[in-house]
Amino acid sequence: MEQPPELHQQQEHGIHCPYCGEPLTILVDPSEPQQEYIEDCQVCCRPMVVSVEQDWDGDILVNVRDENEA
């Protein structure tokens, strides 16, 4: 049985910091199919722009970039 969106748990996603290149794990809320927010790198503390989308299959896609990239 599928849970209502408000009961979804956050999902872990592996990324690499666009500044220092360190591998990181972030938590993503799958209840919003498209979102963008800023999260500081856990290693170098620089602000990363995190973009989250849901594809046609329902998979969560996570992309990170530095705040100066267009």
C-alpha atoms as a PDB file:
ATOM      1  CA  MET A   1       0.000   0.000   0.000  1.00  0.00           C
ATOM      2  CA  GLU A   2       1.398   3.398  -0.980  1.00  0.00           C
ATOM      3  CA  GLN A   3       1.697   6.005   1.737  1.00  0.00           C
ATOM      4  CA  PRO A   4       0.185   9.470   1.302  1.00  0.00           C
ATOM      5  CA  PRO A   5       2.855  12.006   0.190  1.00  0.00           C
ATOM      6  CA  GLU A   6       2.982  13.685   3.596  1.00  0.00           C
ATOM      7  CA  LEU A   7       4.104  10.378   5.176  1.00  0.00           C
ATOM      8  CA  HIS A   8       7.029   9.742   2.813  1.00  0.00           C
ATOM      9  CA  GLN A   9      10.344   9.576   4.557  1.00  0.00           C
ATOM     10  CA  GLN A  10      13.358  11.496   3.375  1.00  0.00           C
ATOM     11  CA  GLN A  11      15.626   9.555   1.041  1.00  0.00           C
ATOM     12  CA  GLU A  12      19.427   9.489   1.122  1.00  0.00           C
ATOM     13  CA  HIS A  13      21.240  10.445  -2.087  1.00  0.00           C
ATOM     14  CA  GLY A  14      24.961  10.400  -2.754  1.00  0.00           C
ATOM     15  CA  ILE A  15      26.459  13.501  -4.372  1.00  0.00           C
ATOM     16  CA  HIS A  16      29.869  15.156  -4.806  1.00  0.00           C
ATOM     17  CA  CYS A  17      30.514  18.730  -3.692  1.00  0.00           C
ATOM     18  CA  PRO A  18      30.994  20.973  -6.759  1.00  0.00           C
ATOM     19  CA  TYR A  19      33.715  22.888  -4.868  1.00  0.00           C
ATOM     20  CA  CYS A  20      35.883  20.372  -3.013  1.00  0.00           C
ATOM     21  CA  GLY A  21      34.774  17.187  -4.818  1.00  0.00           C
ATOM     22  CA  GLU A  22      34.161  15.265  -1.600  1.00  0.00           C
ATOM     23  CA  PRO A  23      31.472  12.570  -1.675  1.00  0.00           C
ATOM     24  CA  LEU A  24      28.497  13.459   0.526  1.00  0.00           C
ATOM     25  CA  THR A  25      25.135  12.032   1.467  1.00  0.00           C
ATOM     26  CA  ILE A  26      22.149  14.373   1.580  1.00  0.00           C
ATOM     27  CA  LEU A  27      18.533  13.775   2.563  1.00  0.00           C
ATOM     28  CA  VAL A  28      15.868  14.605  -0.008  1.00  0.00           C
ATOM     29  CA  ASP A  29      12.140  14.992   0.629  1.00  0.00           C
ATOM     30  CA  PRO A  30      10.404  13.034  -2.169  1.00  0.00           C
ATOM     31  CA  SER A  31       6.983  14.554  -1.432  1.00  0.00           C
ATOM     32  CA  GLU A  32       7.758  17.563  -3.661  1.00  0.00           C
ATOM     33  CA  PRO A  33       8.395  16.418  -7.245  1.00  0.00           C
ATOM     34  CA  GLN A  34      10.450  19.512  -8.140  1.00  0.00           C
ATOM     35  CA  GLN A  35      12.472  21.645  -5.760  1.00  0.00           C
ATOM     36  CA  GLU A  36      15.634  23.715  -5.525  1.00  0.00           C
ATOM     37  CA  TYR A  37      17.383  24.854  -2.378  1.00  0.00           C
ATOM     38  CA  ILE A  38      20.816  25.755  -0.988  1.00  0.00           C
ATOM     39  CA  GLU A  39      22.665  23.401   1.326  1.00  0.00           C
ATOM     40  CA  ASP A  40      26.165  23.908   2.700  1.00  0.00           C
ATOM     41  CA  CYS A  41      28.808  21.263   1.990  1.00  0.00           C
ATOM     42  CA  GLN A  42      29.461  19.202   5.112  1.00  0.00           C
ATOM     43  CA  VAL A  43      33.221  19.317   4.407  1.00  0.00           C
ATOM     44  CA  CYS A  44      34.148  22.749   2.999  1.00  0.00           C
ATOM     45  CA  CYS A  45      30.987  24.624   4.154  1.00  0.00           C
ATOM     46  CA  ARG A  46      30.448  26.309   0.768  1.00  0.00           C
ATOM     47  CA  PRO A  47      26.852  26.739  -0.467  1.00  0.00           C
ATOM     48  CA  MET A  48      25.694  24.200  -3.058  1.00  0.00           C
ATOM     49  CA  VAL A  49      22.511  24.632  -5.096  1.00  0.00           C
ATOM     50  CA  VAL A  50      20.590  21.355  -4.894  1.00  0.00           C
ATOM     51  CA  SER A  51      18.013  20.656  -7.623  1.00  0.00           C
ATOM     52  CA  VAL A  52      15.609  17.762  -7.195  1.00  0.00           C
ATOM     53  CA  GLU A  53      13.273  16.419  -9.878  1.00  0.00           C
ATOM     54  CA  GLN A  54      11.121  13.363 -10.261  1.00  0.00           C
ATOM     55  CA  ASP A  55      11.311  11.548 -13.621  1.00  0.00           C
ATOM     56  CA  TRP A  56       8.461   9.799 -15.444  1.00  0.00           C
ATOM     57  CA  ASP A  57       9.202   6.531 -13.627  1.00  0.00           C
ATOM     58  CA  GLY A  58       8.950   8.223 -10.226  1.00  0.00           C
ATOM     59  CA  ASP A  59      12.702   8.098  -9.593  1.00  0.00           C
ATOM     60  CA  ILE A  60      14.254  11.056  -7.775  1.00  0.00           C
ATOM     61  CA  LEU A  61      17.042  12.840  -9.670  1.00  0.00           C
ATOM     62  CA  VAL A  62      19.426  15.046  -7.690  1.00  0.00           C
ATOM     63  CA  ASN A  63      21.838  17.558  -9.210  1.00  0.00           C
ATOM     64  CA  VAL A  64      24.213  19.901  -7.358  1.00  0.00           C
ATOM     65  CA  ARG A  65      26.119  22.913  -8.635  1.00  0.00           C
ATOM     66  CA  ASP A  66      28.030  25.820  -7.187  1.00  0.00           C
ATOM     67  CA  GLU A  67      26.015  28.957  -6.579  1.00  0.00           C
ATOM     68  CA  ASN A  68      27.763  30.854  -9.394  1.00  0.00           C
ATOM     69  CA  GLU A  69      26.802  28.391 -12.161  1.00  0.00           C
ATOM     70  CA  ALA A  70      23.909  29.441 -14.347  1.00  0.00           C
END
